[in-house]
C-alpha atoms as a PDB file:
ATOM      1  CA  MET A   1       7.623 -22.498   2.946  1.00  0.00           C
ATOM      2  CA  ALA A   2       6.877 -26.209   3.590  1.00  0.00           C
ATOM      3  CA  GLU A   3       9.996 -27.262   1.691  1.00  0.00           C
ATOM      4  CA  GLU A   4      12.155 -24.910   3.755  1.00  0.00           C
ATOM      5  CA  ARG A   5      10.622 -26.295   6.973  1.00  0.00           C
ATOM      6  CA  ALA A   6      11.359 -29.892   5.900  1.00  0.00           C
ATOM      7  CA  LEU A   7      14.931 -29.097   4.856  1.00  0.00           C
ATOM      8  CA  ALA A   8      15.610 -27.186   8.082  1.00  0.00           C
ATOM      9  CA  ALA A   9      14.363 -30.205  10.054  1.00  0.00           C
ATOM     10  CA  LEU A  10      16.578 -32.519   7.990  1.00  0.00           C
ATOM     11  CA  ASP A  11      19.561 -30.270   8.758  1.00  0.00           C
ATOM     12  CA  ALA A  12      18.696 -30.177  12.465  1.00  0.00           C
ATOM     13  CA  SER A  13      18.421 -33.985  12.582  1.00  0.00           C
ATOM     14  CA  GLY A  14      22.103 -34.443  11.768  1.00  0.00           C
ATOM     15  CA  LEU A  15      21.121 -36.973   9.106  1.00  0.00           C
ATOM     16  CA  ALA A  16      23.346 -37.078   6.017  1.00  0.00           C
ATOM     17  CA  TYR A  17      21.146 -36.560   2.961  1.00  0.00           C
ATOM     18  CA  ARG A  18      21.206 -35.582  -0.694  1.00  0.00           C
ATOM     19  CA  ILE A  19      18.353 -33.492  -2.101  1.00  0.00           C
ATOM     20  CA  VAL A  20      16.956 -34.542  -5.464  1.00  0.00           C
ATOM     21  CA  ARG A  21      14.628 -32.222  -7.384  1.00  0.00           C
ATOM     22  CA  HIS A  22      12.599 -33.396 -10.336  1.00  0.00           C
ATOM     23  CA  PRO A  23       9.633 -32.336 -12.470  1.00  0.00           C
ATOM     24  CA  PRO A  24       6.141 -33.665 -11.727  1.00  0.00           C
ATOM     25  CA  VAL A  25       5.739 -37.437 -11.973  1.00  0.00           C
ATOM     26  CA  ASN A  26       2.657 -39.571 -12.529  1.00  0.00           C
ATOM     27  CA  SER A  27       3.644 -42.933 -11.103  1.00  0.00           C
ATOM     28  CA  LEU A  28       5.858 -44.710  -8.614  1.00  0.00           C
ATOM     29  CA  GLU A  29       8.079 -45.872 -11.467  1.00  0.00           C
ATOM     30  CA  GLU A  30       8.536 -42.301 -12.732  1.00  0.00           C
ATOM     31  CA  ALA A  31       9.307 -41.068  -9.216  1.00  0.00           C
ATOM     32  CA  ALA A  32      11.878 -43.827  -8.710  1.00  0.00           C
ATOM     33  CA  ALA A  33      13.555 -43.114 -12.050  1.00  0.00           C
ATOM     34  CA  ALA A  34      13.651 -39.357 -11.360  1.00  0.00           C
ATOM     35  CA  ARG A  35      15.200 -39.998  -7.941  1.00  0.00           C
ATOM     36  CA  GLY A  36      17.669 -42.602  -9.203  1.00  0.00           C
ATOM     37  CA  VAL A  37      16.401 -45.412  -6.947  1.00  0.00           C
ATOM     38  CA  ASP A  38      14.313 -48.526  -7.409  1.00  0.00           C
ATOM     39  CA  PRO A  39      10.567 -48.299  -6.635  1.00  0.00           C
ATOM     40  CA  ALA A  40      10.951 -50.125  -3.297  1.00  0.00           C
ATOM     41  CA  ALA A  41      13.333 -47.376  -2.130  1.00  0.00           C
ATOM     42  CA  VAL A  42      10.774 -44.586  -2.616  1.00  0.00           C
ATOM     43  CA  ILE A  43       9.359 -44.156   0.872  1.00  0.00           C
ATOM     44  CA  LYS A  44       5.732 -43.114   1.269  1.00  0.00           C
ATOM     45  CA  SER A  45       5.056 -41.146   4.472  1.00  0.00           C
ATOM     46  CA  ILE A  46       1.466 -42.015   5.324  1.00  0.00           C
ATOM     47  CA  VAL A  47      -0.457 -40.271   8.096  1.00  0.00           C
ATOM     48  CA  VAL A  48      -2.731 -42.631  10.026  1.00  0.00           C
ATOM     49  CA  ARG A  49      -5.307 -41.594  12.621  1.00  0.00           C
ATOM     50  CA  ARG A  50      -5.555 -43.826  15.666  1.00  0.00           C
ATOM     51  CA  ALA A  51      -7.834 -41.598  17.810  1.00  0.00           C
ATOM     52  CA  ASP A  52      -9.059 -38.015  18.073  1.00  0.00           C
ATOM     53  CA  ASP A  53      -6.029 -35.753  17.716  1.00  0.00           C
ATOM     54  CA  ASP A  54      -3.723 -38.789  17.733  1.00  0.00           C
ATOM     55  CA  TYR A  55      -1.845 -39.680  14.565  1.00  0.00           C
ATOM     56  CA  VAL A  56       1.237 -41.620  13.509  1.00  0.00           C
ATOM     57  CA  PHE A  57       3.456 -41.501  10.459  1.00  0.00           C
ATOM     58  CA  VAL A  58       3.898 -44.864   8.777  1.00  0.00           C
ATOM     59  CA  LEU A  59       6.893 -45.124   6.435  1.00  0.00           C
ATOM     60  CA  VAL A  60       6.090 -47.587   3.661  1.00  0.00           C
ATOM     61  CA  PRO A  61       8.332 -48.789   0.804  1.00  0.00           C
ATOM     62  CA  GLY A  62       6.909 -47.656  -2.529  1.00  0.00           C
ATOM     63  CA  ASP A  63       6.147 -51.149  -3.781  1.00  0.00           C
ATOM     64  CA  ARG A  64       4.168 -52.108  -0.651  1.00  0.00           C
ATOM     65  CA  THR A  65       0.979 -51.115   1.164  1.00  0.00           C
ATOM     66  CA  ILE A  66       0.041 -50.929   4.824  1.00  0.00           C
ATOM     67  CA  ALA A  67      -1.060 -54.269   6.268  1.00  0.00           C
ATOM     68  CA  TRP A  68      -3.856 -52.896   8.457  1.00  0.00           C
ATOM     69  CA  PRO A  69      -4.167 -55.937  10.764  1.00  0.00           C
ATOM     70  CA  LYS A  70      -0.418 -55.842  11.455  1.00  0.00           C
ATOM     71  CA  LEU A  71      -0.461 -52.096  12.132  1.00  0.00           C
ATOM     72  CA  ARG A  72      -3.518 -52.336  14.414  1.00  0.00           C
ATOM     73  CA  ALA A  73      -1.846 -55.151  16.375  1.00  0.00           C
ATOM     74  CA  LEU A  74       1.386 -53.166  16.717  1.00  0.00           C
ATOM     75  CA  LEU A  75      -0.463 -50.079  17.961  1.00  0.00           C
ATOM     76  CA  GLY A  76      -2.843 -52.051  20.170  1.00  0.00           C
ATOM     77  CA  VAL A  77      -5.979 -50.559  18.648  1.00  0.00           C
ATOM     78  CA  SER A  78      -8.985 -52.076  16.946  1.00  0.00           C
ATOM     79  CA  ARG A  79      -9.549 -49.242  14.501  1.00  0.00           C
ATOM     80  CA  LEU A  80      -7.370 -46.977  12.378  1.00  0.00           C
ATOM     81  CA  SER A  81      -8.242 -44.592   9.570  1.00  0.00           C
ATOM     82  CA  MET A  82      -6.608 -42.311   7.059  1.00  0.00           C
ATOM     83  CA  PRO A  83      -7.491 -38.634   7.316  1.00  0.00           C
ATOM     84  CA  ASP A  84      -8.764 -36.811   4.261  1.00  0.00           C
ATOM     85  CA  ALA A  85      -6.381 -34.446   2.470  1.00  0.00           C
ATOM     86  CA  ALA A  86      -7.470 -31.372   4.443  1.00  0.00           C
ATOM     87  CA  MET A  87      -7.057 -33.078   7.810  1.00  0.00           C
ATOM     88  CA  ALA A  88      -3.693 -34.539   6.778  1.00  0.00           C
ATOM     89  CA  ARG A  89      -2.557 -30.991   5.921  1.00  0.00           C
ATOM     90  CA  ASP A  90      -3.906 -29.672   9.230  1.00  0.00           C
ATOM     91  CA  VAL A  91      -2.054 -32.259  11.335  1.00  0.00           C
ATOM     92  CA  THR A  92       1.256 -32.222   9.415  1.00  0.00           C
ATOM     93  CA  GLY A  93       1.492 -28.873   7.647  1.00  0.00           C
ATOM     94  CA  TYR A  94       2.039 -30.654   4.317  1.00  0.00           C
ATOM     95  CA  GLU A  95      -0.120 -31.334   1.281  1.00  0.00           C
ATOM     96  CA  ARG A  96      -0.836 -34.978   0.513  1.00  0.00           C
ATOM     97  CA  GLY A  97       1.936 -36.182  -1.778  1.00  0.00           C
ATOM     98  CA  THR A  98       4.536 -34.023   0.005  1.00  0.00           C
ATOM     99  CA  ILE A  99       4.131 -35.321   3.566  1.00  0.00           C
ATOM    100  CA  THR A 100       7.263 -36.090   5.553  1.00  0.00           C
ATOM    101  CA  PRO A 101       7.879 -36.471   9.277  1.00  0.00           C
ATOM    102  CA  PHE A 102      10.665 -33.873   8.951  1.00  0.00           C
ATOM    103  CA  GLY A 103       9.310 -30.465   9.878  1.00  0.00           C
ATOM    104  CA  SER A 104       5.784 -31.650  10.522  1.00  0.00           C
ATOM    105  CA  THR A 105       3.783 -29.135  12.528  1.00  0.00           C
ATOM    106  CA  ARG A 106       3.451 -31.822  15.219  1.00  0.00           C
ATOM    107  CA  ALA A 107       6.038 -34.499  16.003  1.00  0.00           C
ATOM    108  CA  TRP A 108       3.818 -37.563  15.644  1.00  0.00           C
ATOM    109  CA  PRO A 109       5.344 -40.980  16.385  1.00  0.00           C
ATOM    110  CA  VAL A 110       6.913 -42.747  13.410  1.00  0.00           C
ATOM    111  CA  ILE A 111       6.486 -46.413  12.466  1.00  0.00           C
ATOM    112  CA  ALA A 112       8.954 -47.621   9.826  1.00  0.00           C
ATOM    113  CA  ASP A 113       8.403 -50.823   7.904  1.00  0.00           C
ATOM    114  CA  GLU A 114      11.334 -53.165   8.535  1.00  0.00           C
ATOM    115  CA  ARG A 115      12.173 -53.275   4.817  1.00  0.00           C
ATOM    116  CA  ILE A 116      13.578 -49.744   5.034  1.00  0.00           C
ATOM    117  CA  GLN A 117      16.542 -51.080   7.005  1.00  0.00           C
ATOM    118  CA  GLY A 118      19.842 -51.813   5.317  1.00  0.00           C
ATOM    119  CA  ARG A 119      19.274 -49.789   2.151  1.00  0.00           C
ATOM    120  CA  THR A 120      19.419 -46.335   0.667  1.00  0.00           C
ATOM    121  CA  VAL A 121      15.965 -44.766   0.444  1.00  0.00           C
ATOM    122  CA  SER A 122      14.298 -41.618  -0.844  1.00  0.00           C
ATOM    123  CA  ILE A 123      11.823 -39.756   1.365  1.00  0.00           C
ATOM    124  CA  GLY A 124       9.729 -36.697   0.532  1.00  0.00           C
ATOM    125  CA  GLY A 125      11.178 -33.262   1.127  1.00  0.00           C
ATOM    126  CA  GLY A 126       8.026 -31.298   1.911  1.00  0.00           C
ATOM    127  CA  ALA A 127       7.185 -30.158  -1.646  1.00  0.00           C
ATOM    128  CA  PHE A 128       6.247 -31.781  -4.934  1.00  0.00           C
ATOM    129  CA  GLY A 129       9.364 -32.883  -6.812  1.00  0.00           C
ATOM    130  CA  VAL A 130      11.661 -32.619  -3.789  1.00  0.00           C
ATOM    131  CA  SER A 131      13.098 -35.658  -2.018  1.00  0.00           C
ATOM    132  CA  ALA A 132      15.975 -36.561   0.264  1.00  0.00           C
ATOM    133  CA  THR A 133      18.091 -39.627  -0.423  1.00  0.00           C
ATOM    134  CA  VAL A 134      19.271 -41.099   2.881  1.00  0.00           C
ATOM    135  CA  ASP A 135      20.529 -44.263   4.536  1.00  0.00           C
ATOM    136  CA  GLY A 136      17.468 -46.178   5.768  1.00  0.00           C
ATOM    137  CA  ASP A 137      19.040 -47.181   9.070  1.00  0.00           C
ATOM    138  CA  GLU A 138      20.083 -43.596   9.769  1.00  0.00           C
ATOM    139  CA  LEU A 139      16.603 -42.368   8.798  1.00  0.00           C
ATOM    140  CA  ILE A 140      15.049 -44.715  11.349  1.00  0.00           C
ATOM    141  CA  LYS A 141      17.495 -43.521  14.000  1.00  0.00           C
ATOM    142  CA  ALA A 142      16.978 -39.812  13.218  1.00  0.00           C
ATOM    143  CA  LEU A 143      13.201 -40.179  13.494  1.00  0.00           C
ATOM    144  CA  ASP A 144      13.370 -42.458  16.549  1.00  0.00           C
ATOM    145  CA  ALA A 145      11.059 -44.720  14.569  1.00  0.00           C
ATOM    146  CA  THR A 146       9.589 -47.966  15.766  1.00  0.00           C
ATOM    147  CA  VAL A 147      10.592 -50.662  13.274  1.00  0.00           C
ATOM    148  CA  ALA A 148       8.134 -53.454  12.490  1.00  0.00           C
ATOM    149  CA  ASP A 149       6.688 -55.570   9.699  1.00  0.00           C
ATOM    150  CA  VAL A 150       3.634 -53.431   8.894  1.00  0.00           C
ATOM    151  CA  THR A 151       3.263 -53.859   5.129  1.00  0.00           C
ATOM    152  CA  GLU A 152       2.249 -56.387   2.509  1.00  0.00           C
END
């Protein structure tokens, strides 16, 4: 059901994409190889809590991590946290490891790390082993994402 919701949202976005399905993977390198992209092109969709019932999606290249001071400065808050797996599922409708802004149960704002621009990327498709290969610039546009340097 979650996969169908994500794919329907991808279709509705008008974004050109190619679905890639692969067996379970155990590392970023395996995921990249299965998807036919380099590790930096595997986009992690991370849910971040900025206040009660207030979350954002942060799109992070696979070979990078969130730079918390940069993200706090961008959002103008002094504290951010990551919800546990159950809360992440409650606020997105997706299990951790399958989270995508497409088809989320709530349309939280999206922050995209600037390194997503100008390249082909692979973002989760709402289920384990399902991803969508897309143009990074078009992904940012489709999600109306705020672009910033938010990783290290």
